Amino acid sequence: MEQLSTLAPYLAGPGSAVLVCILIGWGGYKLMSDKILPLLETAVSRHLDQIDRMMETHSAEHRAILTACETITDELRRDRAPAPRVANG
């Protein structure tokens, strides 16, 4: 019994503090692995899907802009081409 009364202050103070810290750490780990990481995975996946759709839209817009630029260039070349000379006769 005397040994228990000698160990009691250590078990009630630092020993229980270490146990509480371990339990809080384990609870934090479980919270992260069970709740937060799946939420992050879903959010990142949704974000990457959004970026893929944005890239597809960007590619289509890029092709349309290139086609418009080529059309404008062709029209400018045609307008600036020297007019054929008509022989006076």
C-alpha atoms as a PDB file:
ATOM      1  CA  MET A   1       0.000   0.000   0.000  1.00  0.00           C
ATOM      2  CA  GLU A   2       2.887   2.276   0.727  1.00  0.00           C
ATOM      3  CA  GLN A   3       4.133   1.876  -2.850  1.00  0.00           C
ATOM      4  CA  LEU A   4       0.776   2.979  -4.205  1.00  0.00           C
ATOM      5  CA  SER A   5       0.812   6.131  -2.105  1.00  0.00           C
ATOM      6  CA  THR A   6       4.331   6.844  -3.397  1.00  0.00           C
ATOM      7  CA  LEU A   7       3.298   6.344  -7.052  1.00  0.00           C
ATOM      8  CA  ALA A   8      -0.068   8.092  -6.777  1.00  0.00           C
ATOM      9  CA  PRO A   9       1.239  11.643  -7.354  1.00  0.00           C
ATOM     10  CA  TYR A  10       3.074  10.530 -10.494  1.00  0.00           C
ATOM     11  CA  LEU A  11       0.098   8.619 -11.827  1.00  0.00           C
ATOM     12  CA  ALA A  12      -2.268  11.497 -11.150  1.00  0.00           C
ATOM     13  CA  GLY A  13       0.052  14.203 -12.542  1.00  0.00           C
ATOM     14  CA  PRO A  14       2.547  13.506 -15.334  1.00  0.00           C
ATOM     15  CA  GLY A  15       1.339   9.975 -16.052  1.00  0.00           C
ATOM     16  CA  SER A  16      -2.233  11.025 -16.658  1.00  0.00           C
ATOM     17  CA  ALA A  17      -1.055  14.039 -18.690  1.00  0.00           C
ATOM     18  CA  VAL A  18       0.888  11.741 -21.007  1.00  0.00           C
ATOM     19  CA  LEU A  19      -2.119   9.453 -21.310  1.00  0.00           C
ATOM     20  CA  VAL A  20      -4.387  12.406 -22.130  1.00  0.00           C
ATOM     21  CA  CYS A  21      -1.908  13.653 -24.742  1.00  0.00           C
ATOM     22  CA  ILE A  22      -1.767  10.212 -26.348  1.00  0.00           C
ATOM     23  CA  LEU A  23      -5.572   9.984 -26.428  1.00  0.00           C
ATOM     24  CA  ILE A  24      -5.901  13.481 -27.919  1.00  0.00           C
ATOM     25  CA  GLY A  25      -3.275  12.647 -30.537  1.00  0.00           C
ATOM     26  CA  TRP A  26      -5.052   9.415 -31.433  1.00  0.00           C
ATOM     27  CA  GLY A  27      -8.380  11.263 -31.664  1.00  0.00           C
ATOM     28  CA  GLY A  28      -6.799  13.900 -33.907  1.00  0.00           C
ATOM     29  CA  TYR A  29      -5.345  11.201 -36.143  1.00  0.00           C
ATOM     30  CA  LYS A  30      -8.702   9.420 -36.415  1.00  0.00           C
ATOM     31  CA  LEU A  31     -10.473  12.698 -37.193  1.00  0.00           C
ATOM     32  CA  MET A  32      -7.976  13.540 -39.932  1.00  0.00           C
ATOM     33  CA  SER A  33      -7.948  10.088 -41.496  1.00  0.00           C
ATOM     34  CA  ASP A  34     -11.692   9.419 -41.275  1.00  0.00           C
ATOM     35  CA  LYS A  35     -13.247  12.842 -41.925  1.00  0.00           C
ATOM     36  CA  ILE A  36     -10.911  15.537 -43.188  1.00  0.00           C
ATOM     37  CA  LEU A  37      -8.793  13.613 -45.719  1.00  0.00           C
ATOM     38  CA  PRO A  38     -11.843  12.230 -47.580  1.00  0.00           C
ATOM     39  CA  LEU A  39     -13.271  15.762 -47.739  1.00  0.00           C
ATOM     40  CA  LEU A  40      -9.983  17.092 -49.103  1.00  0.00           C
ATOM     41  CA  GLU A  41      -9.783  14.274 -51.630  1.00  0.00           C
ATOM     42  CA  THR A  42     -13.288  15.081 -52.882  1.00  0.00           C
ATOM     43  CA  ALA A  43     -12.543  18.805 -53.059  1.00  0.00           C
ATOM     44  CA  VAL A  44      -9.265  18.290 -54.937  1.00  0.00           C
ATOM     45  CA  SER A  45     -10.892  15.842 -57.360  1.00  0.00           C
ATOM     46  CA  ARG A  46     -13.728  18.285 -58.036  1.00  0.00           C
ATOM     47  CA  HIS A  47     -11.200  21.089 -58.562  1.00  0.00           C
ATOM     48  CA  LEU A  48      -9.158  19.029 -61.029  1.00  0.00           C
ATOM     49  CA  ASP A  49     -12.327  18.148 -62.970  1.00  0.00           C
ATOM     50  CA  GLN A  50     -13.115  21.853 -63.145  1.00  0.00           C
ATOM     51  CA  ILE A  51      -9.643  22.575 -64.504  1.00  0.00           C
ATOM     52  CA  ASP A  52     -10.047  19.834 -67.137  1.00  0.00           C
ATOM     53  CA  ARG A  53     -13.342  21.381 -68.316  1.00  0.00           C
ATOM     54  CA  MET A  54     -11.731  24.813 -68.357  1.00  0.00           C
ATOM     55  CA  MET A  55      -8.860  23.494 -70.501  1.00  0.00           C
ATOM     56  CA  GLU A  56     -11.312  21.962 -72.984  1.00  0.00           C
ATOM     57  CA  THR A  57     -13.171  25.272 -73.244  1.00  0.00           C
ATOM     58  CA  HIS A  58      -9.888  27.136 -73.607  1.00  0.00           C
ATOM     59  CA  SER A  59      -8.767  24.834 -76.421  1.00  0.00           C
ATOM     60  CA  ALA A  60     -12.032  25.359 -78.304  1.00  0.00           C
ATOM     61  CA  GLU A  61     -11.795  29.130 -77.877  1.00  0.00           C
ATOM     62  CA  HIS A  62      -8.161  29.047 -78.979  1.00  0.00           C
ATOM     63  CA  ARG A  63      -9.058  27.215 -82.201  1.00  0.00           C
ATOM     64  CA  ALA A  64     -11.885  29.700 -82.884  1.00  0.00           C
ATOM     65  CA  ILE A  65      -9.536  32.659 -82.365  1.00  0.00           C
ATOM     66  CA  LEU A  66      -6.921  31.156 -84.685  1.00  0.00           C
ATOM     67  CA  THR A  67      -9.549  30.563 -87.369  1.00  0.00           C
ATOM     68  CA  ALA A  68     -10.780  34.161 -87.038  1.00  0.00           C
ATOM     69  CA  CYS A  69      -7.214  35.508 -87.259  1.00  0.00           C
ATOM     70  CA  GLU A  70      -6.528  33.440 -90.375  1.00  0.00           C
ATOM     71  CA  THR A  71      -9.749  34.702 -91.977  1.00  0.00           C
ATOM     72  CA  ILE A  72      -8.855  38.314 -91.185  1.00  0.00           C
ATOM     73  CA  THR A  73      -5.323  37.819 -92.538  1.00  0.00           C
ATOM     74  CA  ASP A  74      -6.648  36.315 -95.760  1.00  0.00           C
ATOM     75  CA  GLU A  75      -9.106  39.197 -96.223  1.00  0.00           C
ATOM     76  CA  LEU A  76      -6.378  41.787 -95.591  1.00  0.00           C
ATOM     77  CA  ARG A  77      -4.067  40.110 -98.110  1.00  0.00           C
ATOM     78  CA  ARG A  78      -6.840  40.043-100.671  1.00  0.00           C
ATOM     79  CA  ASP A  79      -7.660  43.725-100.087  1.00  0.00           C
ATOM     80  CA  ARG A  80      -3.995  44.785-100.320  1.00  0.00           C
ATOM     81  CA  ALA A  81      -3.207  42.758-103.400  1.00  0.00           C
ATOM     82  CA  PRO A  82      -2.382  45.004-106.364  1.00  0.00           C
ATOM     83  CA  ALA A  83      -5.262  45.446-108.730  1.00  0.00           C
ATOM     84  CA  PRO A  84      -4.724  43.951-112.160  1.00  0.00           C
ATOM     85  CA  ARG A  85      -3.740  46.549-114.766  1.00  0.00           C
ATOM     86  CA  VAL A  86      -6.076  47.082-117.601  1.00  0.00           C
ATOM     87  CA  ALA A  87      -4.413  47.744-120.938  1.00  0.00           C
ATOM     88  CA  ASN A  88      -5.601  50.900-122.664  1.00  0.00           C
ATOM     89  CA  GLY A  89      -6.314  50.152-126.101  1.00  0.00           C
END
